[in-house]
Amino acid sequence: MTDLDIAEVSRRTGLPASTLRYYEERGLIASTGRRGLRRQYDPGVLQRLALIGLGRAAGFSLDEIARTFAADGQPDIDRGMLAAKADELEAKIKELGVLRDSLRHAAACPAPSHMECPTFRRILRAAGAGESRTRTGRPG
């Protein structure tokens, strides 16, 4: 298969050319050269960009993603890093579930005022304690 120019890679991946140039600047992808003014890429760049996109969706930084590729450009993904990110995502999912349930309660609460609802006041206390932990790094 022949090389793909930057416009074709952009079209196939949905990434703007500026992102492709940035990824190249960061060393995440490499062009094979130029045809006229347009960068050319090996077709394998599509798989590499898919892996980068998956990593970004999972919340990995570009530096972390860069470390998932071996010197030869092939994926060499640290399984421990994946497990740690999965644990981080699991904790975030639980946190978001509590927030969702709290919002649903507040939306449906029959109390005349949210401040008259014992459940809502408990939610506020918990949120305040969470804010304190976030600012100080320790329990509030």
N, C-alpha and C. Protein backbone atom coordinates (compact mmCIF):
# COMPACT_ATOMS: atom_id res chain seq x y z
N MET A 1 0.85 -1.18 0.00
CA MET A 1 0.00 0.00 0.00
C MET A 1 0.89 1.24 0.00
N THR A 2 0.48 2.24 -0.71
CA THR A 2 1.28 3.46 -0.81
C THR A 2 1.05 4.35 0.40
N ASP A 3 1.99 5.28 0.57
CA ASP A 3 1.86 6.24 1.67
C ASP A 3 0.61 7.08 1.51
N LEU A 4 0.15 7.59 2.64
CA LEU A 4 -1.04 8.45 2.68
C LEU A 4 -0.60 9.87 2.95
N ASP A 5 -1.21 10.83 2.25
CA ASP A 5 -0.83 12.20 2.57
C ASP A 5 -1.63 12.67 3.78
N ILE A 6 -1.20 13.78 4.34
CA ILE A 6 -1.77 14.27 5.59
C ILE A 6 -3.28 14.50 5.48
N ALA A 7 -3.74 14.94 4.32
CA ALA A 7 -5.18 15.17 4.15
C ALA A 7 -5.96 13.86 4.21
N GLU A 8 -5.40 12.80 3.64
CA GLU A 8 -6.06 11.49 3.68
C GLU A 8 -6.08 10.92 5.10
N VAL A 9 -4.97 11.06 5.82
CA VAL A 9 -4.91 10.60 7.20
C VAL A 9 -5.93 11.38 8.04
N SER A 10 -6.00 12.67 7.81
CA SER A 10 -6.96 13.51 8.52
C SER A 10 -8.39 13.07 8.22
N ARG A 11 -8.68 12.82 6.96
CA ARG A 11 -10.02 12.39 6.56
C ARG A 11 -10.38 11.05 7.19
N ARG A 12 -9.46 10.11 7.18
CA ARG A 12 -9.74 8.77 7.71
C ARG A 12 -9.86 8.72 9.22
N THR A 13 -9.14 9.59 9.89
CA THR A 13 -9.14 9.55 11.36
C THR A 13 -10.05 10.58 12.00
N GLY A 14 -10.41 11.60 11.23
CA GLY A 14 -11.21 12.68 11.79
C GLY A 14 -10.38 13.68 12.59
N LEU A 15 -9.07 13.49 12.60
CA LEU A 15 -8.19 14.41 13.31
C LEU A 15 -7.77 15.54 12.37
N PRO A 16 -7.77 16.77 12.86
CA PRO A 16 -7.31 17.86 12.01
C PRO A 16 -5.81 17.73 11.71
N ALA A 17 -5.39 18.26 10.60
CA ALA A 17 -3.98 18.22 10.22
C ALA A 17 -3.10 18.83 11.31
N SER A 18 -3.60 19.85 11.99
CA SER A 18 -2.82 20.48 13.06
C SER A 18 -2.52 19.49 14.18
N THR A 19 -3.46 18.61 14.49
CA THR A 19 -3.22 17.58 15.52
C THR A 19 -2.18 16.59 15.04
N LEU A 20 -2.27 16.21 13.77
CA LEU A 20 -1.27 15.29 13.22
C LEU A 20 0.12 15.90 13.29
N ARG A 21 0.23 17.18 12.93
CA ARG A 21 1.53 17.85 13.00
C ARG A 21 2.02 17.93 14.44
N TYR A 22 1.10 18.19 15.37
CA TYR A 22 1.47 18.24 16.79
C TYR A 22 1.95 16.88 17.28
N TYR A 23 1.23 15.83 16.93
CA TYR A 23 1.65 14.48 17.32
C TYR A 23 3.02 14.16 16.74
N GLU A 24 3.26 14.61 15.53
CA GLU A 24 4.57 14.38 14.92
C GLU A 24 5.65 15.16 15.69
N GLU A 25 5.35 16.39 16.05
CA GLU A 25 6.28 17.22 16.82
C GLU A 25 6.60 16.56 18.17
N ARG A 26 5.60 15.91 18.77
CA ARG A 26 5.78 15.25 20.07
C ARG A 26 6.43 13.86 19.93
N GLY A 27 6.63 13.40 18.70
CA GLY A 27 7.27 12.11 18.49
C GLY A 27 6.32 10.93 18.56
N LEU A 28 5.02 11.18 18.53
CA LEU A 28 4.05 10.09 18.60
C LEU A 28 3.86 9.41 17.25
N ILE A 29 3.98 10.17 16.18
CA ILE A 29 3.92 9.63 14.83
C ILE A 29 5.07 10.23 14.04
N ALA A 30 5.36 9.65 12.91
CA ALA A 30 6.44 10.16 12.05
C ALA A 30 5.99 10.11 10.60
N SER A 31 6.29 11.16 9.89
CA SER A 31 6.00 11.16 8.46
C SER A 31 7.13 10.43 7.74
N THR A 32 6.83 9.93 6.56
CA THR A 32 7.84 9.25 5.76
C THR A 32 8.51 10.20 4.79
N GLY A 33 8.01 11.41 4.72
CA GLY A 33 8.57 12.41 3.82
C GLY A 33 7.48 13.35 3.36
N ARG A 34 7.75 13.98 2.23
CA ARG A 34 6.78 14.92 1.67
C ARG A 34 6.58 14.67 0.18
N ARG A 35 5.39 14.97 -0.25
CA ARG A 35 5.09 15.01 -1.68
C ARG A 35 4.61 16.43 -1.91
N GLY A 36 5.44 17.22 -2.52
CA GLY A 36 5.15 18.64 -2.62
C GLY A 36 5.23 19.23 -1.22
N LEU A 37 4.18 19.91 -0.81
CA LEU A 37 4.13 20.51 0.53
C LEU A 37 3.46 19.61 1.56
N ARG A 38 2.92 18.49 1.12
CA ARG A 38 2.15 17.64 2.03
C ARG A 38 2.99 16.52 2.64
N ARG A 39 2.84 16.37 3.94
CA ARG A 39 3.49 15.27 4.64
C ARG A 39 2.88 13.95 4.17
N GLN A 40 3.69 12.92 4.15
CA GLN A 40 3.26 11.58 3.78
C GLN A 40 3.46 10.66 4.99
N TYR A 41 2.53 9.72 5.15
CA TYR A 41 2.60 8.78 6.27
C TYR A 41 2.43 7.36 5.77
N ASP A 42 3.12 6.44 6.44
CA ASP A 42 2.93 5.03 6.19
C ASP A 42 1.50 4.67 6.62
N PRO A 43 0.84 3.77 5.91
CA PRO A 43 -0.53 3.40 6.30
C PRO A 43 -0.65 2.90 7.75
N GLY A 44 0.44 2.38 8.32
CA GLY A 44 0.42 1.93 9.71
C GLY A 44 0.14 3.05 10.70
N VAL A 45 0.25 4.29 10.25
CA VAL A 45 -0.03 5.42 11.14
C VAL A 45 -1.48 5.41 11.59
N LEU A 46 -2.36 4.83 10.79
CA LEU A 46 -3.78 4.78 11.16
C LEU A 46 -3.98 3.96 12.43
N GLN A 47 -3.31 2.81 12.52
CA GLN A 47 -3.41 1.98 13.72
C GLN A 47 -2.78 2.70 14.90
N ARG A 48 -1.66 3.34 14.67
CA ARG A 48 -0.98 4.07 15.74
C ARG A 48 -1.88 5.20 16.26
N LEU A 49 -2.53 5.91 15.36
CA LEU A 49 -3.44 6.98 15.76
C LEU A 49 -4.66 6.43 16.50
N ALA A 50 -5.11 5.24 16.12
CA ALA A 50 -6.22 4.61 16.84
C ALA A 50 -5.79 4.29 18.28
N LEU A 51 -4.57 3.80 18.46
CA LEU A 51 -4.05 3.52 19.80
C LEU A 51 -3.91 4.82 20.61
N ILE A 52 -3.44 5.87 19.97
CA ILE A 52 -3.33 7.16 20.64
C ILE A 52 -4.71 7.65 21.06
N GLY A 53 -5.68 7.53 20.16
CA GLY A 53 -7.05 7.94 20.48
C GLY A 53 -7.63 7.15 21.63
N LEU A 54 -7.38 5.85 21.66
CA LEU A 54 -7.86 5.00 22.75
C LEU A 54 -7.21 5.43 24.07
N GLY A 55 -5.92 5.69 24.02
CA GLY A 55 -5.22 6.14 25.21
C GLY A 55 -5.76 7.47 25.72
N ARG A 56 -6.01 8.39 24.80
CA ARG A 56 -6.56 9.70 25.19
C ARG A 56 -7.96 9.53 25.81
N ALA A 57 -8.77 8.68 25.21
CA ALA A 57 -10.13 8.45 25.73
C ALA A 57 -10.08 7.85 27.13
N ALA A 58 -9.06 7.05 27.41
CA ALA A 58 -8.91 6.43 28.73
C ALA A 58 -8.31 7.39 29.75
N GLY A 59 -7.85 8.54 29.28
CA GLY A 59 -7.32 9.54 30.19
C GLY A 59 -5.82 9.55 30.33
N PHE A 60 -5.12 8.84 29.47
CA PHE A 60 -3.67 8.88 29.51
C PHE A 60 -3.16 10.18 28.91
N SER A 61 -2.07 10.70 29.46
CA SER A 61 -1.43 11.89 28.90
C SER A 61 -0.67 11.49 27.63
N LEU A 62 -0.30 12.47 26.83
CA LEU A 62 0.48 12.15 25.64
C LEU A 62 1.84 11.57 26.01
N ASP A 63 2.43 12.02 27.11
CA ASP A 63 3.70 11.45 27.56
C ASP A 63 3.53 9.98 27.94
N GLU A 64 2.44 9.66 28.62
CA GLU A 64 2.18 8.26 28.98
C GLU A 64 1.95 7.43 27.72
N ILE A 65 1.23 7.98 26.77
CA ILE A 65 0.97 7.27 25.52
C ILE A 65 2.28 7.04 24.76
N ALA A 66 3.13 8.03 24.74
CA ALA A 66 4.42 7.90 24.05
C ALA A 66 5.21 6.72 24.61
N ARG A 67 5.10 6.49 25.91
CA ARG A 67 5.85 5.39 26.53
C ARG A 67 5.26 4.02 26.20
N THR A 68 4.09 3.98 25.55
CA THR A 68 3.51 2.68 25.20
C THR A 68 4.03 2.15 23.88
N PHE A 69 4.92 2.90 23.24
CA PHE A 69 5.50 2.45 21.97
C PHE A 69 6.97 2.14 22.17
N ALA A 70 7.41 1.00 21.65
CA ALA A 70 8.82 0.61 21.72
C ALA A 70 9.62 1.47 20.73
N ALA A 71 10.93 1.35 20.81
CA ALA A 71 11.83 2.13 19.95
C ALA A 71 11.53 1.88 18.46
N ASP A 72 11.06 0.67 18.14
CA ASP A 72 10.76 0.36 16.73
C ASP A 72 9.38 0.86 16.30
N GLY A 73 8.67 1.52 17.23
CA GLY A 73 7.36 2.08 16.90
C GLY A 73 6.19 1.15 17.15
N GLN A 74 6.49 -0.08 17.51
CA GLN A 74 5.43 -1.05 17.77
C GLN A 74 4.89 -0.87 19.19
N PRO A 75 3.60 -1.17 19.39
CA PRO A 75 3.05 -1.05 20.75
C PRO A 75 3.76 -1.99 21.72
N ASP A 76 4.10 -1.48 22.87
CA ASP A 76 4.70 -2.25 23.95
C ASP A 76 4.08 -1.69 25.23
N ILE A 77 2.85 -2.09 25.46
CA ILE A 77 2.02 -1.46 26.49
C ILE A 77 2.27 -2.12 27.85
N ASP A 78 2.57 -1.28 28.82
CA ASP A 78 2.81 -1.72 30.20
C ASP A 78 1.48 -2.14 30.81
N ARG A 79 1.34 -3.42 31.09
CA ARG A 79 0.09 -3.94 31.64
C ARG A 79 -0.21 -3.38 33.03
N GLY A 80 0.83 -3.11 33.80
CA GLY A 80 0.64 -2.50 35.12
C GLY A 80 0.04 -1.11 35.00
N MET A 81 0.49 -0.35 34.00
CA MET A 81 -0.05 0.98 33.76
C MET A 81 -1.53 0.89 33.37
N LEU A 82 -1.87 -0.11 32.57
CA LEU A 82 -3.27 -0.31 32.19
C LEU A 82 -4.13 -0.66 33.40
N ALA A 83 -3.62 -1.53 34.25
CA ALA A 83 -4.38 -1.93 35.44
C ALA A 83 -4.57 -0.74 36.38
N ALA A 84 -3.53 0.08 36.54
CA ALA A 84 -3.65 1.26 37.40
C ALA A 84 -4.66 2.24 36.85
N LYS A 85 -4.68 2.43 35.53
CA LYS A 85 -5.65 3.35 34.92
C LYS A 85 -7.05 2.78 35.06
N ALA A 86 -7.21 1.47 34.91
CA ALA A 86 -8.53 0.85 35.08
C ALA A 86 -9.03 1.06 36.51
N ASP A 87 -8.13 0.94 37.50
CA ASP A 87 -8.51 1.19 38.89
C ASP A 87 -8.92 2.64 39.09
N GLU A 88 -8.17 3.55 38.48
CA GLU A 88 -8.49 4.98 38.56
C GLU A 88 -9.87 5.27 37.95
N LEU A 89 -10.12 4.66 36.80
CA LEU A 89 -11.42 4.84 36.14
C LEU A 89 -12.55 4.25 36.98
N GLU A 90 -12.31 3.10 37.60
CA GLU A 90 -13.32 2.47 38.45
C GLU A 90 -13.69 3.39 39.61
N ALA A 91 -12.69 4.00 40.23
CA ALA A 91 -12.95 4.93 41.33
C ALA A 91 -13.75 6.14 40.84
N LYS A 92 -13.40 6.64 39.67
CA LYS A 92 -14.11 7.79 39.10
C LYS A 92 -15.55 7.42 38.77
N ILE A 93 -15.76 6.22 38.25
CA ILE A 93 -17.11 5.76 37.93
C ILE A 93 -17.96 5.71 39.21
N LYS A 94 -17.39 5.19 40.28
CA LYS A 94 -18.12 5.13 41.56
C LYS A 94 -18.46 6.54 42.04
N GLU A 95 -17.49 7.43 41.96
CA GLU A 95 -17.70 8.82 42.38
C GLU A 95 -18.80 9.48 41.55
N LEU A 96 -18.77 9.26 40.25
CA LEU A 96 -19.80 9.83 39.38
C LEU A 96 -21.17 9.21 39.64
N GLY A 97 -21.20 7.93 39.99
CA GLY A 97 -22.47 7.28 40.32
C GLY A 97 -23.10 7.90 41.55
N VAL A 98 -22.30 8.19 42.56
CA VAL A 98 -22.81 8.85 43.76
C VAL A 98 -23.33 10.24 43.40
N LEU A 99 -22.58 10.96 42.59
CA LEU A 99 -23.01 12.30 42.17
C LEU A 99 -24.32 12.22 41.39
N ARG A 100 -24.43 11.26 40.47
CA ARG A 100 -25.67 11.07 39.71
C ARG A 100 -26.85 10.81 40.63
N ASP A 101 -26.67 9.89 41.56
CA ASP A 101 -27.75 9.55 42.48
C ASP A 101 -28.15 10.75 43.34
N SER A 102 -27.16 11.53 43.75
CA SER A 102 -27.44 12.73 44.55
C SER A 102 -28.24 13.74 43.75
N LEU A 103 -27.87 13.96 42.51
CA LEU A 103 -28.61 14.89 41.66
C LEU A 103 -30.04 14.41 41.41
N ARG A 104 -30.19 13.12 41.20
CA ARG A 104 -31.54 12.57 40.99
C ARG A 104 -32.39 12.77 42.24
N HIS A 105 -31.78 12.54 43.41
CA HIS A 105 -32.53 12.75 44.65
C HIS A 105 -32.94 14.22 44.78
N ALA A 106 -31.99 15.12 44.53
CA ALA A 106 -32.29 16.55 44.66
C ALA A 106 -33.38 16.97 43.68
N ALA A 107 -33.38 16.40 42.49
CA ALA A 107 -34.40 16.75 41.49
C ALA A 107 -35.79 16.26 41.89
N ALA A 108 -35.86 15.12 42.56
CA ALA A 108 -37.16 14.51 42.89
C ALA A 108 -37.57 14.70 44.36
N CYS A 109 -36.74 15.33 45.15
CA CYS A 109 -37.00 15.46 46.59
C CYS A 109 -38.33 16.17 46.84
N PRO A 110 -39.20 15.59 47.68
CA PRO A 110 -40.50 16.20 47.95
C PRO A 110 -40.46 17.31 48.99
N ALA A 111 -39.31 17.54 49.64
CA ALA A 111 -39.23 18.59 50.67
C ALA A 111 -39.50 19.95 50.03
N PRO A 112 -40.16 20.86 50.77
CA PRO A 112 -40.46 22.19 50.23
C PRO A 112 -39.20 22.94 49.81
N SER A 113 -38.12 22.73 50.52
CA SER A 113 -36.84 23.37 50.20
C SER A 113 -35.76 22.29 50.30
N HIS A 114 -34.79 22.35 49.46
CA HIS A 114 -33.71 21.37 49.53
C HIS A 114 -33.03 21.41 50.89
N MET A 115 -32.93 22.59 51.48
CA MET A 115 -32.27 22.71 52.77
C MET A 115 -33.08 22.07 53.90
N GLU A 116 -34.34 21.77 53.67
CA GLU A 116 -35.16 21.08 54.66
C GLU A 116 -35.05 19.56 54.53
N CYS A 117 -34.39 19.09 53.51
CA CYS A 117 -34.27 17.65 53.24
C CYS A 117 -33.02 17.11 53.95
N PRO A 118 -33.19 16.16 54.89
CA PRO A 118 -32.04 15.61 55.59
C PRO A 118 -31.05 14.92 54.63
N THR A 119 -31.57 14.26 53.62
CA THR A 119 -30.69 13.59 52.66
C THR A 119 -29.86 14.62 51.90
N PHE A 120 -30.48 15.71 51.48
CA PHE A 120 -29.76 16.74 50.74
C PHE A 120 -28.69 17.38 51.63
N ARG A 121 -29.02 17.63 52.89
CA ARG A 121 -28.03 18.22 53.80
C ARG A 121 -26.86 17.25 54.01
N ARG A 122 -27.13 15.96 54.08
CA ARG A 122 -26.06 14.97 54.20
C ARG A 122 -25.18 14.99 52.95
N ILE A 123 -25.81 15.13 51.78
CA ILE A 123 -25.06 15.22 50.53
C ILE A 123 -24.14 16.45 50.56
N LEU A 124 -24.68 17.57 51.04
CA LEU A 124 -23.88 18.80 51.13
C LEU A 124 -22.69 18.63 52.07
N ARG A 125 -22.92 17.99 53.22
CA ARG A 125 -21.82 17.76 54.16
C ARG A 125 -20.74 16.89 53.52
N ALA A 126 -21.16 15.86 52.83
CA ALA A 126 -20.20 14.97 52.16
C ALA A 126 -19.45 15.73 51.08
N ALA A 127 -20.15 16.58 50.33
CA ALA A 127 -19.49 17.36 49.29
C ALA A 127 -18.49 18.32 49.90
N GLY A 128 -18.86 18.94 51.03
CA GLY A 128 -17.94 19.84 51.71
C GLY A 128 -16.69 19.12 52.20
N ALA A 129 -16.86 17.93 52.71
CA ALA A 129 -15.72 17.14 53.16
C ALA A 129 -14.83 16.76 51.99
N GLY A 130 -15.45 16.46 50.86
CA GLY A 130 -14.69 16.14 49.65
C GLY A 130 -13.89 17.32 49.16
N GLU A 131 -14.47 18.51 49.22
CA GLU A 131 -13.77 19.74 48.83
C GLU A 131 -12.56 19.95 49.73
N SER A 132 -12.74 19.72 51.02
CA SER A 132 -11.65 19.90 51.96
C SER A 132 -10.50 18.94 51.64
N ARG A 133 -10.84 17.67 51.33
CA ARG A 133 -9.82 16.68 50.97
C ARG A 133 -9.11 17.09 49.70
N THR A 134 -9.87 17.63 48.73
CA THR A 134 -9.28 18.02 47.45
C THR A 134 -8.27 19.14 47.65
N ARG A 135 -8.61 20.11 48.48
CA ARG A 135 -7.72 21.26 48.69
C ARG A 135 -6.50 20.92 49.52
N THR A 136 -6.66 20.08 50.54
CA THR A 136 -5.56 19.82 51.46
C THR A 136 -4.87 18.48 51.23
N GLY A 137 -5.54 17.60 50.48
CA GLY A 137 -4.97 16.28 50.26
C GLY A 137 -5.21 15.32 51.41
N ARG A 138 -5.97 15.76 52.42
CA ARG A 138 -6.28 14.89 53.56
C ARG A 138 -7.74 15.10 53.98
N PRO A 139 -8.27 14.19 54.76
CA PRO A 139 -9.67 14.32 55.18
C PRO A 139 -9.94 15.66 55.84
N GLY A 140 -11.17 16.16 55.58
CA GLY A 140 -11.56 17.49 56.01
C GLY A 140 -11.91 17.58 57.43
